[in-house]
């Protein structure tokens, strides 16, 4: 007689930020259904564009204060620089990551490049005091998008 063995539970890693962000935005009524999948200048594809692609396309070259862009990367390494070119009409970009403890020289480069790092609050403890003063939480980012959208 064959014995049935109980199934072993599988442990899944947390979903990457590019999959979590739409749910967070929807839960806080930020953005529209088409904040994802936009194609901007030079065929760039930002992860998220607020309030929507239509507003981005209608904006003049110098931009529109309602516009916000969010890139999402599980880990940054040097890939954070890709986000800088993804929406030319938006001068200050935002990058959501789950990566803990990015080095100070790297976050200094991000800040100098007008890239605001967005990290979930529970991960803030892995950064230095100086970095934490500059980091945004997901709540900070959502508040900024809401403020820009009026």
N, C-alpha and C. Protein backbone atom coordinates (compact mmCIF):
# COMPACT_ATOMS: atom_id res chain seq x y z
N UNK A 1 0.83 -1.17 0.00
CA UNK A 1 0.00 0.00 0.00
C UNK A 1 0.88 1.25 0.00
N UNK A 2 0.53 2.18 -0.83
CA UNK A 2 1.27 3.44 -0.93
C UNK A 2 0.82 4.43 0.12
N UNK A 3 1.77 5.07 0.72
CA UNK A 3 1.44 6.09 1.71
C UNK A 3 1.54 7.46 1.05
N UNK A 4 0.60 8.27 1.40
CA UNK A 4 0.64 9.64 0.89
C UNK A 4 1.46 10.50 1.83
N UNK A 5 2.39 11.19 1.27
CA UNK A 5 3.19 12.11 2.07
C UNK A 5 2.56 13.49 2.00
N UNK A 6 2.54 14.18 3.11
CA UNK A 6 1.98 15.54 3.05
C UNK A 6 2.85 16.42 2.16
N UNK A 7 2.22 17.31 1.49
CA UNK A 7 2.93 18.24 0.62
C UNK A 7 3.79 19.17 1.46
N UNK A 8 4.94 19.45 0.95
CA UNK A 8 5.82 20.38 1.63
C UNK A 8 5.42 21.79 1.20
N UNK A 9 5.28 22.66 2.17
CA UNK A 9 4.90 24.04 1.87
C UNK A 9 6.03 24.73 1.11
N UNK A 10 5.67 25.49 0.11
CA UNK A 10 6.67 26.24 -0.63
C UNK A 10 6.71 27.67 -0.10
N UNK A 11 7.90 28.16 0.03
CA UNK A 11 8.08 29.52 0.50
C UNK A 11 8.41 30.37 -0.72
N UNK A 12 7.57 31.32 -0.98
CA UNK A 12 7.79 32.18 -2.13
C UNK A 12 8.44 33.48 -1.69
N UNK A 13 9.38 33.96 -2.49
CA UNK A 13 9.97 35.26 -2.16
C UNK A 13 8.92 36.35 -2.36
N UNK A 14 9.11 37.49 -1.71
CA UNK A 14 8.14 38.57 -1.88
C UNK A 14 8.07 39.00 -3.34
N UNK A 15 6.91 39.43 -3.76
CA UNK A 15 6.73 39.89 -5.14
C UNK A 15 7.60 41.12 -5.38
N UNK A 16 8.18 41.23 -6.58
CA UNK A 16 8.98 42.40 -6.90
C UNK A 16 8.14 43.68 -6.82
N UNK A 17 8.78 44.83 -6.60
CA UNK A 17 8.03 46.07 -6.43
C UNK A 17 7.19 46.45 -7.64
N UNK A 18 7.60 46.05 -8.83
CA UNK A 18 6.81 46.41 -10.01
C UNK A 18 5.45 45.73 -10.02
N UNK A 19 5.30 44.65 -9.23
CA UNK A 19 4.01 43.97 -9.11
C UNK A 19 3.22 44.45 -7.89
N UNK A 20 3.91 44.97 -6.89
CA UNK A 20 3.25 45.44 -5.67
C UNK A 20 2.71 46.85 -5.82
N UNK A 21 3.43 47.69 -6.55
CA UNK A 21 3.07 49.11 -6.65
C UNK A 21 1.65 49.35 -7.18
N UNK A 22 1.20 48.66 -8.23
CA UNK A 22 -0.17 48.94 -8.70
C UNK A 22 -1.23 48.69 -7.64
N UNK A 23 -1.05 47.65 -6.85
CA UNK A 23 -2.03 47.36 -5.79
C UNK A 23 -2.01 48.45 -4.74
N UNK A 24 -0.83 48.93 -4.38
CA UNK A 24 -0.72 50.01 -3.39
C UNK A 24 -1.38 51.28 -3.92
N UNK A 25 -1.16 51.58 -5.19
CA UNK A 25 -1.76 52.79 -5.79
C UNK A 25 -3.27 52.67 -5.83
N UNK A 26 -3.76 51.52 -6.22
CA UNK A 26 -5.21 51.32 -6.29
C UNK A 26 -5.83 51.41 -4.90
N UNK A 27 -5.15 50.85 -3.91
CA UNK A 27 -5.67 50.88 -2.54
C UNK A 27 -5.77 52.31 -2.01
N UNK A 28 -4.93 53.18 -2.51
CA UNK A 28 -4.92 54.58 -2.04
C UNK A 28 -5.52 55.53 -3.06
N UNK A 29 -6.19 54.98 -4.07
CA UNK A 29 -6.86 55.78 -5.11
C UNK A 29 -5.91 56.79 -5.75
N UNK A 30 -4.75 56.31 -6.14
CA UNK A 30 -3.76 57.16 -6.79
C UNK A 30 -3.54 56.64 -8.21
N UNK A 31 -3.57 57.54 -9.18
CA UNK A 31 -3.35 57.15 -10.57
C UNK A 31 -4.60 56.55 -11.20
N UNK A 32 -4.43 56.14 -12.44
CA UNK A 32 -5.54 55.54 -13.18
C UNK A 32 -5.15 54.13 -13.59
N UNK A 33 -6.00 53.50 -14.37
CA UNK A 33 -5.73 52.13 -14.79
C UNK A 33 -4.53 52.01 -15.73
N UNK A 34 -4.17 53.11 -16.39
CA UNK A 34 -3.08 53.02 -17.36
C UNK A 34 -1.78 53.65 -16.86
N UNK A 35 -1.50 53.56 -15.56
CA UNK A 35 -0.24 54.09 -15.04
C UNK A 35 0.92 53.18 -15.42
N UNK A 36 0.63 51.96 -15.84
CA UNK A 36 1.64 50.99 -16.23
C UNK A 36 1.63 50.77 -17.73
N UNK A 37 2.79 50.49 -18.31
CA UNK A 37 2.86 50.13 -19.71
C UNK A 37 2.96 51.29 -20.68
N UNK A 38 3.25 52.48 -20.18
CA UNK A 38 3.38 53.64 -21.04
C UNK A 38 4.67 53.56 -21.87
N UNK A 39 4.64 54.15 -23.05
CA UNK A 39 5.83 54.27 -23.88
C UNK A 39 6.06 55.75 -24.10
N UNK A 40 7.24 56.23 -23.71
CA UNK A 40 7.56 57.65 -23.83
C UNK A 40 8.58 57.86 -24.94
N UNK A 41 9.27 58.99 -24.90
CA UNK A 41 10.26 59.32 -25.91
C UNK A 41 11.27 58.19 -26.11
N UNK A 42 11.72 58.06 -27.35
CA UNK A 42 12.77 57.09 -27.70
C UNK A 42 12.40 55.66 -27.30
N UNK A 43 11.11 55.39 -27.29
CA UNK A 43 10.59 54.06 -26.98
C UNK A 43 10.94 53.59 -25.55
N UNK A 44 11.13 54.54 -24.64
CA UNK A 44 11.38 54.19 -23.24
C UNK A 44 10.07 53.75 -22.58
N UNK A 45 10.19 52.88 -21.60
CA UNK A 45 9.01 52.33 -20.93
C UNK A 45 9.13 52.46 -19.42
N UNK A 46 8.74 53.62 -18.87
CA UNK A 46 8.78 53.75 -17.42
C UNK A 46 7.82 52.75 -16.78
N UNK A 47 8.16 52.30 -15.58
CA UNK A 47 7.30 51.32 -14.90
C UNK A 47 5.93 51.91 -14.60
N UNK A 48 5.91 53.15 -14.05
CA UNK A 48 4.64 53.79 -13.69
C UNK A 48 4.70 55.28 -14.00
N UNK A 49 3.62 55.78 -14.57
CA UNK A 49 3.52 57.18 -14.96
C UNK A 49 2.22 57.74 -14.38
N UNK A 50 2.34 58.80 -13.60
CA UNK A 50 1.17 59.40 -12.94
C UNK A 50 0.94 60.80 -13.47
N UNK A 51 -0.27 61.29 -13.66
CA UNK A 51 -1.51 60.58 -13.39
C UNK A 51 -1.86 59.56 -14.47
N UNK A 52 -1.36 59.77 -15.72
CA UNK A 52 -1.61 58.80 -16.78
C UNK A 52 -0.81 59.19 -18.02
N UNK A 53 -0.80 58.30 -19.01
CA UNK A 53 -0.06 58.53 -20.25
C UNK A 53 -0.62 59.71 -21.03
N UNK A 54 -1.93 59.87 -21.05
CA UNK A 54 -2.56 60.96 -21.79
C UNK A 54 -2.07 62.33 -21.29
N UNK A 55 -1.99 62.51 -19.98
CA UNK A 55 -1.51 63.76 -19.41
C UNK A 55 -0.04 63.97 -19.77
N UNK A 56 0.73 62.90 -19.75
CA UNK A 56 2.15 62.99 -20.10
C UNK A 56 2.30 63.43 -21.55
N UNK A 57 1.56 62.80 -22.45
CA UNK A 57 1.68 63.11 -23.88
C UNK A 57 1.23 64.54 -24.18
N UNK A 58 0.24 65.04 -23.46
CA UNK A 58 -0.28 66.39 -23.69
C UNK A 58 0.61 67.48 -23.07
N UNK A 59 1.50 67.10 -22.19
CA UNK A 59 2.34 68.08 -21.49
C UNK A 59 3.38 68.68 -22.44
N UNK A 60 3.72 69.95 -22.21
CA UNK A 60 4.78 70.55 -23.01
C UNK A 60 6.13 69.89 -22.69
N UNK A 61 7.14 70.15 -23.49
CA UNK A 61 8.45 69.55 -23.32
C UNK A 61 9.02 69.81 -21.92
N UNK A 62 8.73 71.00 -21.38
CA UNK A 62 9.26 71.33 -20.04
C UNK A 62 8.48 70.64 -18.93
N UNK A 63 7.43 69.92 -19.26
CA UNK A 63 6.71 69.12 -18.27
C UNK A 63 5.44 69.76 -17.75
N UNK A 64 4.88 69.13 -16.75
CA UNK A 64 3.63 69.53 -16.13
C UNK A 64 3.77 69.16 -14.66
N UNK A 65 3.44 70.07 -13.74
CA UNK A 65 3.64 69.76 -12.31
C UNK A 65 2.84 68.56 -11.81
N UNK A 66 1.84 68.11 -12.55
CA UNK A 66 1.06 66.94 -12.12
C UNK A 66 1.77 65.62 -12.41
N UNK A 67 2.80 65.65 -13.24
CA UNK A 67 3.46 64.43 -13.69
C UNK A 67 4.42 63.87 -12.64
N UNK A 68 4.38 62.57 -12.47
CA UNK A 68 5.29 61.86 -11.58
C UNK A 68 5.63 60.53 -12.24
N UNK A 69 6.88 60.14 -12.14
CA UNK A 69 7.31 58.86 -12.69
C UNK A 69 7.91 58.01 -11.57
N UNK A 70 7.58 56.73 -11.57
CA UNK A 70 8.13 55.79 -10.60
C UNK A 70 8.71 54.60 -11.33
N UNK A 71 10.01 54.40 -11.15
CA UNK A 71 10.64 53.18 -11.62
C UNK A 71 10.60 52.18 -10.47
N UNK A 72 10.70 50.89 -10.78
CA UNK A 72 10.66 49.87 -9.74
C UNK A 72 11.70 48.81 -10.05
N UNK A 73 12.58 48.57 -9.09
CA UNK A 73 13.62 47.56 -9.24
C UNK A 73 13.77 46.83 -7.92
N UNK A 74 13.80 45.52 -7.96
CA UNK A 74 14.00 44.73 -6.73
C UNK A 74 15.34 45.08 -6.11
N UNK A 75 16.37 45.16 -6.95
CA UNK A 75 17.69 45.60 -6.51
C UNK A 75 18.17 46.68 -7.46
N UNK A 76 18.97 47.59 -6.95
CA UNK A 76 19.37 48.74 -7.75
C UNK A 76 20.68 48.52 -8.50
N UNK A 77 21.73 48.12 -7.78
CA UNK A 77 23.07 48.02 -8.33
C UNK A 77 23.31 49.25 -9.21
N UNK A 78 23.72 49.08 -10.44
CA UNK A 78 23.90 50.23 -11.33
C UNK A 78 22.70 50.44 -12.25
N UNK A 79 21.70 49.59 -12.14
CA UNK A 79 20.53 49.68 -13.02
C UNK A 79 19.66 50.89 -12.71
N UNK A 80 19.87 51.54 -11.58
CA UNK A 80 19.06 52.71 -11.23
C UNK A 80 19.20 53.81 -12.27
N UNK A 81 20.33 53.85 -12.95
CA UNK A 81 20.57 54.90 -13.96
C UNK A 81 19.61 54.78 -15.15
N UNK A 82 19.11 53.59 -15.40
CA UNK A 82 18.15 53.38 -16.50
C UNK A 82 16.91 54.25 -16.31
N UNK A 83 16.52 54.44 -15.08
CA UNK A 83 15.30 55.19 -14.77
C UNK A 83 15.42 56.66 -15.20
N UNK A 84 16.63 57.19 -15.20
CA UNK A 84 16.83 58.61 -15.48
C UNK A 84 16.38 59.02 -16.88
N UNK A 85 16.43 58.11 -17.85
CA UNK A 85 16.10 58.46 -19.23
C UNK A 85 14.67 58.12 -19.62
N UNK A 86 13.87 57.58 -18.73
CA UNK A 86 12.60 56.99 -19.11
C UNK A 86 11.44 57.96 -19.31
N UNK A 87 11.52 59.17 -18.87
CA UNK A 87 10.43 60.14 -19.08
C UNK A 87 11.04 61.54 -19.09
N UNK A 88 11.40 62.02 -20.25
CA UNK A 88 12.15 63.27 -20.38
C UNK A 88 11.39 64.49 -19.86
N UNK A 89 10.07 64.45 -19.85
CA UNK A 89 9.28 65.60 -19.41
C UNK A 89 9.21 65.71 -17.88
N UNK A 90 9.78 64.76 -17.19
CA UNK A 90 9.77 64.75 -15.72
C UNK A 90 11.22 64.85 -15.25
N UNK A 91 11.55 65.95 -14.58
CA UNK A 91 12.95 66.15 -14.19
C UNK A 91 13.34 65.34 -12.95
N UNK A 92 12.46 65.26 -11.98
CA UNK A 92 12.77 64.49 -10.76
C UNK A 92 12.06 63.15 -10.84
N UNK A 93 12.85 62.08 -10.89
CA UNK A 93 12.32 60.73 -10.99
C UNK A 93 12.27 60.09 -9.60
N UNK A 94 11.50 59.01 -9.49
CA UNK A 94 11.37 58.26 -8.24
C UNK A 94 11.66 56.80 -8.54
N UNK A 95 12.32 56.13 -7.62
CA UNK A 95 12.66 54.73 -7.79
C UNK A 95 12.28 53.95 -6.54
N UNK A 96 11.40 52.98 -6.71
CA UNK A 96 10.97 52.09 -5.63
C UNK A 96 11.84 50.84 -5.65
N UNK A 97 12.40 50.51 -4.50
CA UNK A 97 13.19 49.28 -4.40
C UNK A 97 12.96 48.62 -3.05
N UNK A 98 13.23 47.33 -3.00
CA UNK A 98 13.18 46.58 -1.75
C UNK A 98 14.58 46.33 -1.21
N UNK A 99 15.58 46.83 -1.92
CA UNK A 99 16.97 46.56 -1.57
C UNK A 99 17.37 47.28 -0.27
N UNK A 100 17.84 46.54 0.69
CA UNK A 100 18.28 47.17 1.95
C UNK A 100 19.71 47.71 1.82
N UNK A 101 20.00 48.73 2.60
CA UNK A 101 21.36 49.20 2.81
C UNK A 101 22.19 49.54 1.60
N UNK A 102 21.65 50.27 0.66
CA UNK A 102 22.44 50.74 -0.48
C UNK A 102 23.51 51.68 0.07
N UNK A 103 24.70 51.65 -0.51
CA UNK A 103 25.81 52.44 0.02
C UNK A 103 25.54 53.94 -0.07
N UNK A 104 26.15 54.69 0.86
CA UNK A 104 25.98 56.14 0.85
C UNK A 104 26.49 56.78 -0.44
N UNK A 105 27.67 56.37 -0.96
CA UNK A 105 28.10 56.98 -2.23
C UNK A 105 27.06 56.79 -3.36
N UNK A 106 26.43 55.63 -3.37
CA UNK A 106 25.44 55.37 -4.42
C UNK A 106 24.18 56.21 -4.21
N UNK A 107 23.69 56.32 -2.98
CA UNK A 107 22.51 57.16 -2.75
C UNK A 107 22.84 58.64 -2.96
N UNK A 108 24.09 59.04 -2.68
CA UNK A 108 24.51 60.41 -2.97
C UNK A 108 24.45 60.68 -4.48
N UNK A 109 24.86 59.70 -5.27
CA UNK A 109 24.79 59.84 -6.74
C UNK A 109 23.34 59.93 -7.20
N UNK A 110 22.47 59.14 -6.60
CA UNK A 110 21.05 59.19 -6.95
C UNK A 110 20.50 60.58 -6.67
N UNK A 111 20.77 61.09 -5.48
CA UNK A 111 20.27 62.42 -5.10
C UNK A 111 20.81 63.49 -6.04
N UNK A 112 22.09 63.41 -6.39
CA UNK A 112 22.69 64.38 -7.31
C UNK A 112 22.09 64.29 -8.71
N UNK A 113 21.54 63.13 -9.05
CA UNK A 113 20.92 62.91 -10.37
C UNK A 113 19.41 63.18 -10.36
N UNK A 114 18.91 63.78 -9.29
CA UNK A 114 17.47 64.07 -9.13
C UNK A 114 16.62 62.80 -9.16
N UNK A 115 17.12 61.77 -8.52
CA UNK A 115 16.39 60.52 -8.39
C UNK A 115 16.07 60.31 -6.91
N UNK A 116 14.79 60.29 -6.58
CA UNK A 116 14.35 60.09 -5.20
C UNK A 116 14.13 58.61 -4.95
N UNK A 117 14.85 58.06 -3.98
CA UNK A 117 14.71 56.65 -3.65
C UNK A 117 13.51 56.46 -2.72
N UNK A 118 12.66 55.49 -3.07
CA UNK A 118 11.46 55.15 -2.30
C UNK A 118 11.64 53.72 -1.80
N UNK A 119 11.62 53.55 -0.46
CA UNK A 119 11.87 52.25 0.15
C UNK A 119 10.78 52.00 1.19
N UNK A 120 10.20 50.80 1.22
CA UNK A 120 9.20 50.53 2.26
C UNK A 120 9.75 50.83 3.66
N UNK A 121 8.92 51.39 4.52
CA UNK A 121 9.34 51.79 5.87
C UNK A 121 10.10 50.71 6.64
N UNK A 122 9.68 49.43 6.59
CA UNK A 122 10.41 48.42 7.35
C UNK A 122 11.88 48.25 6.91
N UNK A 123 12.20 48.69 5.71
CA UNK A 123 13.57 48.55 5.20
C UNK A 123 14.43 49.75 5.57
N UNK A 124 13.83 50.86 6.01
CA UNK A 124 14.58 52.08 6.33
C UNK A 124 15.67 51.84 7.37
N UNK A 125 15.45 50.93 8.30
CA UNK A 125 16.43 50.66 9.35
C UNK A 125 17.76 50.16 8.85
N UNK A 126 17.82 49.67 7.61
CA UNK A 126 19.08 49.16 7.05
C UNK A 126 19.93 50.28 6.44
N UNK A 127 19.43 51.50 6.49
CA UNK A 127 20.15 52.65 5.94
C UNK A 127 20.71 53.50 7.08
N UNK A 128 21.71 54.30 6.77
CA UNK A 128 22.33 55.16 7.79
C UNK A 128 21.37 56.29 8.16
N UNK A 129 21.65 56.96 9.27
CA UNK A 129 20.83 58.10 9.69
C UNK A 129 20.78 59.17 8.61
N UNK A 130 21.93 59.46 8.00
CA UNK A 130 21.98 60.48 6.95
C UNK A 130 21.09 60.08 5.77
N UNK A 131 21.12 58.82 5.39
CA UNK A 131 20.29 58.36 4.27
C UNK A 131 18.81 58.39 4.63
N UNK A 132 18.48 57.99 5.86
CA UNK A 132 17.07 57.96 6.26
C UNK A 132 16.43 59.34 6.20
N UNK A 133 17.21 60.38 6.42
CA UNK A 133 16.68 61.73 6.32
C UNK A 133 16.26 62.09 4.90
N UNK A 134 16.80 61.39 3.92
CA UNK A 134 16.52 61.66 2.52
C UNK A 134 15.56 60.64 1.90
N UNK A 135 15.55 59.42 2.41
CA UNK A 135 14.69 58.36 1.85
C UNK A 135 13.21 58.72 1.98
N UNK A 136 12.43 58.24 1.03
CA UNK A 136 10.97 58.34 1.12
C UNK A 136 10.40 56.95 1.38
N UNK A 137 9.33 56.91 2.11
CA UNK A 137 8.57 55.67 2.27
C UNK A 137 7.55 55.60 1.13
N UNK A 138 6.89 54.48 1.00
CA UNK A 138 5.83 54.35 -0.01
C UNK A 138 4.72 55.36 0.31
N UNK A 139 4.42 55.55 1.59
CA UNK A 139 3.41 56.54 1.99
C UNK A 139 3.80 57.96 1.59
N UNK A 140 5.10 58.29 1.72
CA UNK A 140 5.58 59.61 1.28
C UNK A 140 5.34 59.80 -0.21
N UNK A 141 5.65 58.75 -0.98
CA UNK A 141 5.47 58.82 -2.43
C UNK A 141 3.99 58.99 -2.79
N UNK A 142 3.13 58.21 -2.18
CA UNK A 142 1.69 58.31 -2.45
C UNK A 142 1.18 59.70 -2.09
N UNK A 143 1.65 60.25 -0.97
CA UNK A 143 1.27 61.61 -0.59
C UNK A 143 1.70 62.64 -1.63
N UNK A 144 2.88 62.47 -2.18
CA UNK A 144 3.38 63.39 -3.22
C UNK A 144 2.52 63.31 -4.48
N UNK A 145 2.20 62.09 -4.91
CA UNK A 145 1.37 61.93 -6.10
C UNK A 145 -0.01 62.55 -5.88
N UNK A 146 -0.59 62.31 -4.74
CA UNK A 146 -1.90 62.90 -4.41
C UNK A 146 -1.83 64.43 -4.46
N UNK A 147 -0.80 65.00 -3.85
CA UNK A 147 -0.65 66.45 -3.83
C UNK A 147 -0.52 67.02 -5.23
N UNK A 148 0.22 66.34 -6.09
CA UNK A 148 0.40 66.81 -7.47
C UNK A 148 -0.88 66.70 -8.28
N UNK A 149 -1.69 65.72 -7.98
CA UNK A 149 -2.92 65.50 -8.75
C UNK A 149 -4.06 66.39 -8.26
N UNK A 150 -3.83 67.08 -7.16
CA UNK A 150 -4.82 68.03 -6.67
C UNK A 150 -5.86 67.39 -5.89
